Amino acid sequence: MKRYHGHHRVKAGFYWTPARWEIITVPREGGMLPGGEEIAYVGLPVTLVMLAGAMLGAAYVIFLPLIGFVIFFGFAGKKLWHLLERSLRPMLPNPARVPEEED
């Protein structure tokens, strides 16, 4: 992967600037990279961008519903646990409360 700097003329493709975590797309006819000489860009191969995009899309499709179910069932489980704890508390002996002995 070749390094480029801002305000340089480049060919069409994808260019990533690690300082800003930004991907710049240069159109088919080529163009200039934004910014000055102090901004460094890395040319990204098209196959890498397409592969990363497909993998991130698949992760989004798989994990977004999964996280929703985890949050929902975690919330419902906590509510159910507190409800059971509150309803069973009168039936369970309390170790902190010692019964008084009768003389």
Protein backbone atom coordinates (compact mmCIF):
# COMPACT_ATOMS: atom_id res chain seq x y z
CA MET A 1 0.00 0.00 0.00
CA LYS A 2 1.52 3.24 -1.17
CA ARG A 3 1.49 6.47 0.85
CA TYR A 4 0.29 9.78 -0.55
CA HIS A 5 -0.04 13.28 0.88
CA GLY A 6 -2.80 15.83 0.67
CA HIS A 7 -3.09 18.09 -2.40
CA HIS A 8 -1.46 15.45 -4.67
CA ARG A 9 -3.01 14.28 -7.91
CA VAL A 10 -3.93 10.58 -7.71
CA LYS A 11 -5.65 7.91 -9.80
CA ALA A 12 -9.16 6.67 -9.11
CA GLY A 13 -9.63 4.58 -5.97
CA PHE A 14 -9.98 4.61 -2.23
CA TYR A 15 -7.60 6.51 0.03
CA TRP A 16 -7.55 6.25 3.81
CA THR A 17 -6.16 8.84 6.20
CA PRO A 18 -5.27 7.22 9.55
CA ALA A 19 -5.09 10.58 11.34
CA ARG A 20 -8.79 11.26 10.71
CA TRP A 21 -10.02 7.68 10.19
CA GLU A 22 -11.62 8.81 6.96
CA ILE A 23 -11.84 7.13 3.56
CA ILE A 24 -11.75 9.41 0.53
CA THR A 25 -13.16 8.15 -2.76
CA VAL A 26 -11.54 9.54 -5.89
CA PRO A 27 -13.74 9.31 -9.03
CA ARG A 28 -12.89 7.40 -12.19
CA GLU A 29 -11.09 10.28 -13.91
CA GLY A 30 -8.78 10.82 -10.90
CA GLY A 31 -8.42 13.91 -8.76
CA MET A 32 -6.63 15.66 -5.95
CA LEU A 33 -6.56 14.53 -2.35
CA PRO A 34 -7.98 17.08 0.09
CA GLY A 35 -5.82 18.78 2.71
CA GLY A 36 -2.22 19.91 2.80
CA GLU A 37 1.14 18.14 2.79
CA GLU A 38 0.85 17.30 6.49
CA ILE A 39 -2.05 14.87 5.89
CA ALA A 40 -0.92 11.38 4.88
CA TYR A 41 -3.11 9.00 2.89
CA VAL A 42 -2.77 5.28 2.22
CA GLY A 43 -4.05 3.87 -1.07
CA LEU A 44 -6.43 0.95 -0.45
CA PRO A 45 -6.90 -1.88 -2.96
CA VAL A 46 -10.46 -2.15 -4.25
CA THR A 47 -10.67 -5.85 -3.36
CA LEU A 48 -9.77 -5.06 0.27
CA VAL A 49 -12.46 -2.38 0.48
CA MET A 50 -15.09 -4.67 -1.05
CA LEU A 51 -14.15 -7.60 1.21
CA ALA A 52 -14.14 -5.42 4.35
CA GLY A 53 -17.49 -3.91 3.37
CA ALA A 54 -19.07 -7.33 2.90
CA MET A 55 -17.70 -8.61 6.22
CA LEU A 56 -18.84 -5.52 8.15
CA GLY A 57 -22.28 -5.79 6.53
CA ALA A 58 -22.56 -9.44 7.54
CA ALA A 59 -21.48 -8.63 11.10
CA TYR A 60 -24.12 -5.90 11.26
CA VAL A 61 -26.86 -8.23 10.00
CA ILE A 62 -25.90 -10.99 12.46
CA PHE A 63 -25.03 -9.08 15.64
CA LEU A 64 -27.62 -6.28 15.62
CA PRO A 65 -30.61 -8.61 16.22
CA LEU A 66 -28.51 -10.73 18.60
CA ILE A 67 -27.67 -7.70 20.76
CA GLY A 68 -31.35 -6.74 20.78
CA PHE A 69 -32.36 -10.18 22.07
CA VAL A 70 -29.59 -10.18 24.68
CA ILE A 71 -30.64 -6.78 26.02
CA PHE A 72 -34.35 -7.69 26.01
CA PHE A 73 -33.95 -11.05 27.77
CA GLY A 74 -31.43 -9.60 30.22
CA PHE A 75 -33.90 -6.87 31.16
CA ALA A 76 -36.82 -9.33 31.38
CA GLY A 77 -34.72 -11.77 33.45
CA LYS A 78 -33.78 -9.07 35.97
CA LYS A 79 -37.41 -7.99 36.33
CA LEU A 80 -38.53 -11.61 36.79
CA TRP A 81 -35.76 -12.24 39.35
CA HIS A 82 -36.77 -9.18 41.39
CA LEU A 83 -40.43 -10.21 41.22
CA LEU A 84 -39.63 -13.74 42.44
CA GLU A 85 -37.33 -12.41 45.14
CA ARG A 86 -39.99 -10.03 46.41
CA SER A 87 -42.75 -12.65 46.38
CA LEU A 88 -40.64 -15.40 48.03
CA ARG A 89 -38.98 -13.21 50.68
CA PRO A 90 -41.77 -13.66 53.29
CA MET A 91 -41.57 -17.46 52.94
CA LEU A 92 -37.79 -17.76 53.33
CA PRO A 93 -36.13 -17.62 56.73
CA ASN A 94 -34.02 -14.55 57.39
CA PRO A 95 -30.64 -15.51 58.92
CA ALA A 96 -30.20 -12.00 60.32
CA ARG A 97 -33.37 -12.35 62.38
CA VAL A 98 -32.77 -14.76 65.23
CA PRO A 99 -35.93 -16.12 66.88
CA GLU A 100 -36.27 -15.16 70.49
CA GLU A 101 -36.16 -18.00 72.95
CA GLU A 102 -38.98 -18.30 75.40
CA ASP A 103 -38.26 -18.86 79.10
